[in-house]
């Protein structure tokens, strides 16, 4: 079986070429042809020695993922469904803006974290993607978009690992993919323009800080452990205090001077003024130790299985003003691509679940979401708030 060269970062490709008896500069040439030029036919790599091209024909290939569908949104977003075999398919989304082009990439077929508000999690989990399958999304879309927009220069300026899956639960494949995105011989992206989004896999946040510190976005979604346990089950293993301490430590290595906290706005669940104040108190507590952050409030994109509703626009804006009034930088994410189910939390693909998700989702929906309001100074018992989980 021949090797798919999309599986290698530059160091890996150099080792592969060394195995063919070739020097390192040949690997750099090959790397540029593949990633900068988008060439997959070795015969068209004109400055490679003929002997090397013959070896590559025998031992290697460059394989894109088969495309099952492509959809274009009215707002310019493009979503692709890629076949990754064995009945699994993943989704990738391009989001154009005036000053940048962002690609949202998947890291797994499905997701095992099972966040209550995420369509991917409700599909369950099949497997991790390989490095080549992660990079194939960028490789194909970058060179497709150049032709589509008739541009010579790079189209994709930002990559966010916010598609299907929890990137840090697929760390061994993620790391060489990130290194290739950053490599000047490949896509040459800035560390500030590559973002890994995580629900809070603490040991891997520590490793990412040492191995390849890119921008970090953390799915927070709740101001306390009781609520976050329900919304983001991983919180039961890595609770808020430990997560925020790890985020503070990450800042010593991060390319930005803040961590982005993502907060999905759910009606009657996490959008009340008391919860905004609890969030403010939580951030102020950790700011004493050096935490710097900004909040990205995300209007929930409803899907039937969640049993949840989107917060009203006025409620989202009120929540944002409370955080801003406390000196916390806060933005409200503009919903993009929702007419093709490409908005945040909507990516679902097609996954052969191995995690009995139907049973877990049924149990989730049968359980009301409880939030315990904080006790005012000198007050008596807490005030319990219960959100109806049914739509």
Protein backbone atom coordinates (compact mmCIF):
# COMPACT_ATOMS: atom_id res chain seq x y z
CA UNK A 1 0.00 0.00 0.00
CA UNK A 2 1.32 3.44 -0.91
CA UNK A 3 1.55 6.29 1.61
CA UNK A 4 -0.82 9.26 1.48
CA UNK A 5 1.54 12.23 1.73
CA UNK A 6 -1.14 14.37 3.36
CA UNK A 7 -0.51 12.30 6.49
CA UNK A 8 2.91 13.93 7.04
CA UNK A 9 4.06 17.25 8.43
CA UNK A 10 7.41 18.42 7.03
CA UNK A 11 9.43 16.37 9.51
CA UNK A 12 7.41 13.28 8.72
CA UNK A 13 7.77 13.87 4.98
CA UNK A 14 11.53 14.32 5.38
CA UNK A 15 11.70 10.96 7.15
CA UNK A 16 9.61 9.38 4.38
CA UNK A 17 11.92 10.81 1.70
CA UNK A 18 14.98 9.66 3.63
CA UNK A 19 13.52 6.15 3.45
CA UNK A 20 13.54 6.54 -0.32
CA UNK A 21 17.19 7.60 -0.23
CA UNK A 22 16.41 11.29 -0.81
CA UNK A 23 17.80 14.38 0.91
CA UNK A 24 15.74 16.75 3.05
CA UNK A 25 15.53 19.53 0.47
CA UNK A 26 13.56 17.14 -1.75
CA UNK A 27 10.96 16.79 1.01
CA UNK A 28 10.66 20.59 1.21
CA UNK A 29 10.15 20.80 -2.56
CA UNK A 30 7.53 18.07 -2.42
CA UNK A 31 5.79 19.70 0.54
CA UNK A 32 5.48 22.97 -1.37
CA UNK A 33 4.07 21.27 -4.45
CA UNK A 34 1.42 19.51 -2.43
CA UNK A 35 0.29 22.24 -0.05
CA UNK A 36 1.20 25.56 -1.65
CA UNK A 37 0.40 24.52 -5.22
CA UNK A 38 -2.26 21.88 -4.64
CA UNK A 39 -0.62 19.44 -7.06
CA UNK A 40 -1.40 15.74 -6.61
CA UNK A 41 0.24 14.36 -9.76
CA UNK A 42 3.95 13.74 -9.24
CA UNK A 43 4.63 14.06 -12.99
CA UNK A 44 3.60 17.72 -12.77
CA UNK A 45 6.15 18.50 -10.04
CA UNK A 46 8.61 19.78 -12.60
CA UNK A 47 11.64 20.56 -10.41
CA UNK A 48 11.75 17.09 -8.82
CA UNK A 49 14.32 14.70 -10.23
CA UNK A 50 12.81 12.14 -12.58
CA UNK A 51 14.21 9.34 -10.40
CA UNK A 52 12.33 10.74 -7.38
CA UNK A 53 9.11 11.09 -9.33
CA UNK A 54 9.39 7.44 -10.33
CA UNK A 55 9.90 6.41 -6.70
CA UNK A 56 6.90 8.48 -5.64
CA UNK A 57 4.71 6.85 -8.27
CA UNK A 58 5.55 3.48 -6.73
CA UNK A 59 5.39 4.36 -3.03
CA UNK A 60 3.15 7.38 -2.50
CA UNK A 61 -0.01 9.25 -3.46
CA UNK A 62 -1.88 12.42 -2.52
CA UNK A 63 -5.50 11.59 -1.75
CA UNK A 64 -8.35 14.04 -1.26
CA UNK A 65 -11.53 12.91 0.48
CA UNK A 66 -14.46 11.96 -1.77
CA UNK A 67 -17.13 14.66 -1.80
CA UNK A 68 -20.67 13.53 -1.09
CA UNK A 69 -22.24 16.98 -1.34
CA UNK A 70 -21.52 20.70 -1.54
CA UNK A 71 -24.00 23.35 -0.42
CA UNK A 72 -23.80 27.11 -0.77
CA UNK A 73 -25.57 29.40 1.68
CA UNK A 74 -27.29 32.64 0.77
CA UNK A 75 -24.70 34.45 2.93
CA UNK A 76 -21.74 32.97 1.05
CA UNK A 77 -20.87 30.10 3.37
CA UNK A 78 -20.03 26.79 1.70
CA UNK A 79 -20.45 23.40 3.36
CA UNK A 80 -18.95 20.13 2.15
CA UNK A 81 -19.86 16.62 3.21
CA UNK A 82 -16.79 14.36 2.85
CA UNK A 83 -16.85 10.57 2.80
CA UNK A 84 -14.32 9.07 5.25
CA UNK A 85 -15.36 5.47 4.63
CA UNK A 86 -17.22 2.70 6.44
CA UNK A 87 -20.46 4.68 6.40
CA UNK A 88 -18.99 7.78 8.07
CA UNK A 89 -19.09 11.30 6.64
CA UNK A 90 -17.81 14.58 8.04
CA UNK A 91 -18.65 18.22 7.41
CA UNK A 92 -16.39 21.20 6.68
CA UNK A 93 -17.51 24.82 6.37
CA UNK A 94 -15.96 27.88 4.70
CA UNK A 95 -17.08 31.24 6.15
CA UNK A 96 -16.15 34.29 4.04
CA UNK A 97 -15.89 37.74 5.59
CA UNK A 98 -14.63 41.09 4.33
CA UNK A 99 -11.25 40.81 6.05
CA UNK A 100 -10.71 37.05 6.22
CA UNK A 101 -11.77 33.61 5.06
CA UNK A 102 -12.28 31.06 7.82
CA UNK A 103 -12.39 27.29 7.42
CA UNK A 104 -14.11 25.23 10.13
CA UNK A 105 -12.51 21.76 10.17
CA UNK A 106 -13.65 18.47 11.71
CA UNK A 107 -11.32 16.30 13.77
CA UNK A 108 -13.50 13.23 14.43
CA UNK A 109 -16.35 11.33 12.82
CA UNK A 110 -18.90 12.25 15.45
CA UNK A 111 -18.05 13.26 19.00
CA UNK A 112 -17.90 11.35 22.28
CA UNK A 113 -18.27 14.38 24.59
CA UNK A 114 -22.04 14.59 24.11
CA UNK A 115 -22.72 18.27 24.84
CA UNK A 116 -26.44 18.70 25.18
CA UNK A 117 -26.77 21.57 22.69
CA UNK A 118 -24.59 20.11 19.90
CA UNK A 119 -26.01 18.19 16.93
CA UNK A 120 -22.74 16.33 16.40
CA UNK A 121 -22.80 14.95 19.94
CA UNK A 122 -26.34 13.70 19.44
CA UNK A 123 -25.12 11.61 16.50
CA UNK A 124 -22.62 9.77 18.68
CA UNK A 125 -19.02 8.84 17.93
CA UNK A 126 -17.47 6.54 15.35
CA UNK A 127 -13.71 7.22 15.19
CA UNK A 128 -10.86 9.70 15.14
CA UNK A 129 -9.78 11.15 11.83
CA UNK A 130 -6.21 10.67 10.67
CA UNK A 131 -3.83 13.58 10.10
CA UNK A 132 -4.38 13.18 6.36
CA UNK A 133 -8.16 13.32 6.75
CA UNK A 134 -7.89 16.51 8.82
CA UNK A 135 -5.50 18.15 6.35
CA UNK A 136 -7.42 16.92 3.30
CA UNK A 137 -10.24 19.27 4.30
CA UNK A 138 -7.89 22.28 4.15
CA UNK A 139 -5.97 21.02 1.11
CA UNK A 140 -9.07 20.50 -1.02
CA UNK A 141 -11.00 23.60 0.05
CA UNK A 142 -8.06 26.02 -0.30
CA UNK A 143 -7.33 24.99 -3.86
CA UNK A 144 -11.01 24.66 -4.81
CA UNK A 145 -11.67 28.19 -3.52
CA UNK A 146 -8.75 29.67 -5.43
CA UNK A 147 -10.31 28.36 -8.64
CA UNK A 148 -13.84 29.26 -7.54
CA UNK A 149 -12.91 32.88 -6.78
CA UNK A 150 -10.31 33.02 -9.58
CA UNK A 151 -7.55 34.07 -7.19
CA UNK A 152 -3.86 33.31 -7.19
CA UNK A 153 -3.27 34.19 -3.54
CA UNK A 154 -4.34 32.24 -0.47
CA UNK A 155 -8.09 32.33 0.24
CA UNK A 156 -8.21 30.71 3.68
CA UNK A 157 -6.59 33.01 6.24
CA UNK A 158 -8.02 31.42 9.41
CA UNK A 159 -8.62 27.85 10.51
CA UNK A 160 -10.82 26.90 13.43
CA UNK A 161 -10.89 23.35 14.75
CA UNK A 162 -14.58 23.75 15.60
CA UNK A 163 -16.17 21.23 13.27
CA UNK A 164 -17.27 17.74 14.23
CA UNK A 165 -15.44 16.24 17.20
CA UNK A 166 -13.31 17.20 20.21
CA UNK A 167 -9.87 18.00 18.70
CA UNK A 168 -7.91 17.34 21.89
CA UNK A 169 -9.28 13.81 22.11
CA UNK A 170 -7.50 13.16 18.81
CA UNK A 171 -4.23 14.83 19.76
CA UNK A 172 -1.76 12.53 17.96
CA UNK A 173 -3.40 13.25 14.59
CA UNK A 174 -4.15 16.90 15.37
CA UNK A 175 -0.57 17.94 16.20
CA UNK A 176 1.10 17.24 12.81
CA UNK A 177 -1.94 18.77 11.08
CA UNK A 178 -1.50 22.00 13.06
CA UNK A 179 2.23 22.06 12.30
CA UNK A 180 1.49 21.77 8.58
CA UNK A 181 -1.05 24.61 8.73
CA UNK A 182 1.60 26.83 10.33
CA UNK A 183 4.54 25.79 8.14
CA UNK A 184 5.75 28.49 5.74
CA UNK A 185 6.38 25.81 3.13
CA UNK A 186 2.69 24.80 3.31
CA UNK A 187 -0.09 27.22 4.30
CA UNK A 188 1.95 29.67 6.37
CA UNK A 189 -0.87 30.52 8.77
CA UNK A 190 -0.13 32.56 11.88
CA UNK A 191 -0.53 30.88 15.27
CA UNK A 192 -2.98 33.67 16.06
CA UNK A 193 -5.12 32.59 13.11
CA UNK A 194 -5.36 28.90 13.96
CA UNK A 195 -7.77 28.14 16.78
CA UNK A 196 -8.37 24.89 18.61
CA UNK A 197 -11.75 24.71 20.32
CA UNK A 198 -12.08 22.34 23.24
CA UNK A 199 -14.68 21.40 25.82
CA UNK A 200 -11.84 21.18 28.34
CA UNK A 201 -9.51 18.16 28.02
CA UNK A 202 -7.04 19.45 30.60
CA UNK A 203 -4.02 17.16 30.05
CA UNK A 204 -4.06 17.90 26.32
CA UNK A 205 -4.35 21.66 26.88
CA UNK A 206 -1.11 21.34 28.85
CA UNK A 207 0.53 19.42 26.00
CA UNK A 208 -0.71 21.82 23.35
CA UNK A 209 0.88 24.71 25.25
CA UNK A 210 4.24 22.96 25.01
CA UNK A 211 3.99 21.39 21.55
CA UNK A 212 2.15 23.90 19.37
CA UNK A 213 0.50 26.80 21.19
CA UNK A 214 -2.15 28.20 18.88
CA UNK A 215 -5.19 30.29 19.80
CA UNK A 216 -7.46 28.51 22.28
CA UNK A 217 -11.25 28.63 22.51
CA UNK A 218 -12.97 26.87 25.40
CA UNK A 219 -16.61 25.77 25.39
CA UNK A 220 -17.75 27.11 28.76
CA UNK A 221 -21.56 27.50 28.52
CA UNK A 222 -22.25 27.65 32.26
CA UNK A 223 -21.17 29.67 35.31
CA UNK A 224 -21.08 26.75 37.77
CA UNK A 225 -20.27 23.06 37.91
CA UNK A 226 -23.83 21.83 38.56
CA UNK A 227 -25.14 23.31 35.32
CA UNK A 228 -22.02 22.59 33.27
CA UNK A 229 -22.10 18.94 34.37
CA UNK A 230 -25.44 18.70 32.59
CA UNK A 231 -24.57 20.70 29.49
CA UNK A 232 -20.95 19.55 29.01
CA UNK A 233 -20.53 16.07 30.56
CA UNK A 234 -16.72 16.32 30.44
CA UNK A 235 -17.02 18.84 33.28
CA UNK A 236 -17.60 15.94 35.68
CA UNK A 237 -14.00 14.89 35.05
CA UNK A 238 -12.46 18.36 34.62
CA UNK A 239 -14.49 20.91 36.64
CA UNK A 240 -14.49 24.65 36.18
CA UNK A 241 -11.88 25.63 38.77
CA UNK A 242 -9.30 23.26 37.26
CA UNK A 243 -10.25 24.27 33.71
CA UNK A 244 -9.87 28.00 34.34
CA UNK A 245 -6.57 27.45 36.13
CA UNK A 246 -5.32 25.51 33.10
CA UNK A 247 -6.48 28.31 30.80
CA UNK A 248 -4.52 30.79 32.91
CA UNK A 249 -1.39 28.65 32.57
CA UNK A 250 -1.90 28.35 28.80
CA UNK A 251 -1.69 32.12 28.43
CA UNK A 252 2.05 32.00 29.16
CA UNK A 253 2.51 30.24 25.81
CA UNK A 254 -0.47 31.46 23.78
CA UNK A 255 -0.11 33.68 20.67
CA UNK A 256 -2.97 35.86 21.92
CA UNK A 257 -3.12 37.54 25.31
CA UNK A 258 -6.56 36.11 26.07
CA UNK A 259 -8.56 32.89 26.00
CA UNK A 260 -11.88 32.89 24.16
CA UNK A 261 -14.78 31.41 26.09
CA UNK A 262 -17.69 30.19 23.99
CA UNK A 263 -21.10 30.44 25.63
CA UNK A 264 -24.16 29.01 23.85
CA UNK A 265 -27.25 30.97 24.88
CA UNK A 266 -30.07 28.64 25.94
CA UNK A 267 -33.45 30.04 26.90
CA UNK A 268 -34.20 29.66 30.59
CA UNK A 269 -31.11 27.51 31.11
CA UNK A 270 -28.00 29.72 31.22
CA UNK A 271 -29.16 33.16 30.07
CA UNK A 272 -30.48 34.82 33.23
CA UNK A 273 -29.03 38.01 34.81
CA UNK A 274 -28.16 36.08 37.98
CA UNK A 275 -26.09 33.69 35.87
CA UNK A 276 -24.33 36.59 34.18
CA UNK A 277 -23.38 37.88 37.62
CA UNK A 278 -22.20 34.43 38.68
CA UNK A 279 -20.07 34.29 35.55
CA UNK A 280 -18.63 37.72 36.33
CA UNK A 281 -17.75 36.63 39.86
CA UNK A 282 -16.11 33.46 38.53
CA UNK A 283 -13.96 35.33 36.01
CA UNK A 284 -12.97 38.00 38.54
CA UNK A 285 -11.83 35.28 40.93
CA UNK A 286 -9.50 33.75 38.34
CA UNK A 287 -8.42 37.12 36.96
CA UNK A 288 -6.60 37.62 40.26
CA UNK A 289 -4.30 34.79 39.15
CA UNK A 290 -3.78 36.23 35.67
CA UNK A 291 -6.68 34.92 33.59
CA UNK A 292 -7.50 37.19 30.65
CA UNK A 293 -10.43 36.30 28.46
CA UNK A 294 -13.14 37.38 26.10
CA UNK A 295 -16.61 35.88 25.75
CA UNK A 296 -18.26 34.87 22.50
CA UNK A 297 -22.00 34.50 23.08
CA UNK A 298 -23.46 32.05 20.56
CA UNK A 299 -27.18 32.07 19.74
CA UNK A 300 -28.27 28.44 19.98
CA UNK A 301 -29.11 26.78 16.68
CA UNK A 302 -32.06 24.54 17.61
CA UNK A 303 -32.48 20.93 16.56
CA UNK A 304 -35.34 18.71 17.71
CA UNK A 305 -33.32 16.15 19.64
CA UNK A 306 -31.85 18.70 22.05
CA UNK A 307 -35.09 19.70 23.76
CA UNK A 308 -33.64 23.20 24.12
CA UNK A 309 -34.61 26.64 22.84
CA UNK A 310 -32.65 29.66 21.62
CA UNK A 311 -32.52 32.67 23.92
CA UNK A 312 -34.38 35.69 22.58
CA UNK A 313 -32.15 38.27 20.89
CA UNK A 314 -33.02 40.84 23.56
CA UNK A 315 -31.97 38.39 26.29
CA UNK A 316 -28.66 37.70 24.56
CA UNK A 317 -27.96 41.43 24.25
CA UNK A 318 -28.90 42.03 27.91
CA UNK A 319 -26.54 39.23 28.99
CA UNK A 320 -23.78 40.72 26.83
CA UNK A 321 -24.28 44.20 28.33
CA UNK A 322 -23.99 42.81 31.86
CA UNK A 323 -20.64 41.17 31.03
CA UNK A 324 -19.41 44.25 29.18
CA UNK A 325 -20.44 46.46 32.10
CA UNK A 326 -18.17 44.38 34.31
CA UNK A 327 -15.23 45.03 31.99
CA UNK A 328 -15.32 41.65 30.23
CA UNK A 329 -14.82 41.86 26.45
CA UNK A 330 -17.92 40.24 25.00
CA UNK A 331 -19.16 39.70 21.45
CA UNK A 332 -22.27 38.03 20.06
CA UNK A 333 -21.51 35.63 17.25
CA UNK A 334 -23.36 36.34 14.04
CA UNK A 335 -25.17 33.22 12.87
CA UNK A 336 -23.83 32.17 9.45
CA UNK A 337 -24.86 29.36 7.14
CA UNK A 338 -27.94 28.31 9.10
CA UNK A 339 -29.96 27.87 5.86
CA UNK A 340 -27.66 24.93 4.99
CA UNK A 341 -27.28 23.69 8.62
CA UNK A 342 -23.69 24.96 8.67
CA UNK A 343 -23.99 27.19 11.74
CA UNK A 344 -22.30 26.59 15.08
CA UNK A 345 -23.50 23.36 16.70
CA UNK A 346 -25.35 22.17 13.59
CA UNK A 347 -22.67 20.03 11.93
CA UNK A 348 -23.80 16.43 12.00
CA UNK A 349 -22.45 14.61 8.94
CA UNK A 350 -23.28 10.90 8.92
CA UNK A 351 -21.82 8.73 11.66
CA UNK A 352 -21.95 5.03 12.47
CA UNK A 353 -22.32 5.50 16.22
CA UNK A 354 -20.43 3.18 18.58
CA UNK A 355 -21.48 4.93 21.80
CA UNK A 356 -25.19 4.11 22.32
CA UNK A 357 -26.06 7.76 21.89
CA UNK A 358 -29.81 7.19 21.53
CA UNK A 359 -30.04 5.83 25.07
CA UNK A 360 -27.89 8.63 26.48
CA UNK A 361 -29.89 11.34 24.73
CA UNK A 362 -33.17 9.88 25.96
CA UNK A 363 -31.83 9.91 29.52
CA UNK A 364 -30.61 13.49 29.08
CA UNK A 365 -33.97 14.76 27.87
CA UNK A 366 -35.80 13.08 30.74
CA UNK A 367 -33.63 14.97 33.23
CA UNK A 368 -34.60 18.60 33.98
CA UNK A 369 -31.77 21.11 33.99
CA UNK A 370 -31.34 22.59 37.47
CA UNK A 371 -29.47 25.76 38.20
CA UNK A 372 -28.90 26.87 41.80
CA UNK A 373 -28.75 30.64 42.10
CA UNK A 374 -25.89 31.95 44.25
CA UNK A 375 -26.76 33.00 47.79
CA UNK A 376 -26.64 36.79 48.34
CA UNK A 377 -24.41 37.97 51.17
CA UNK A 378 -26.20 37.28 54.47
CA UNK A 379 -29.22 35.61 52.83
CA UNK A 380 -30.74 32.32 53.78
CA UNK A 381 -31.47 29.41 51.45
CA UNK A 382 -30.55 29.36 47.76
CA UNK A 383 -33.24 29.91 45.13
CA UNK A 384 -33.59 26.90 42.84
CA UNK A 385 -34.43 27.40 39.18
CA UNK A 386 -35.59 24.53 36.97
CA UNK A 387 -35.64 24.78 33.18
CA UNK A 388 -38.17 22.77 31.24
CA UNK A 389 -36.12 20.57 28.89
CA UNK A 390 -38.95 20.11 26.44
CA UNK A 391 -39.32 22.32 23.36
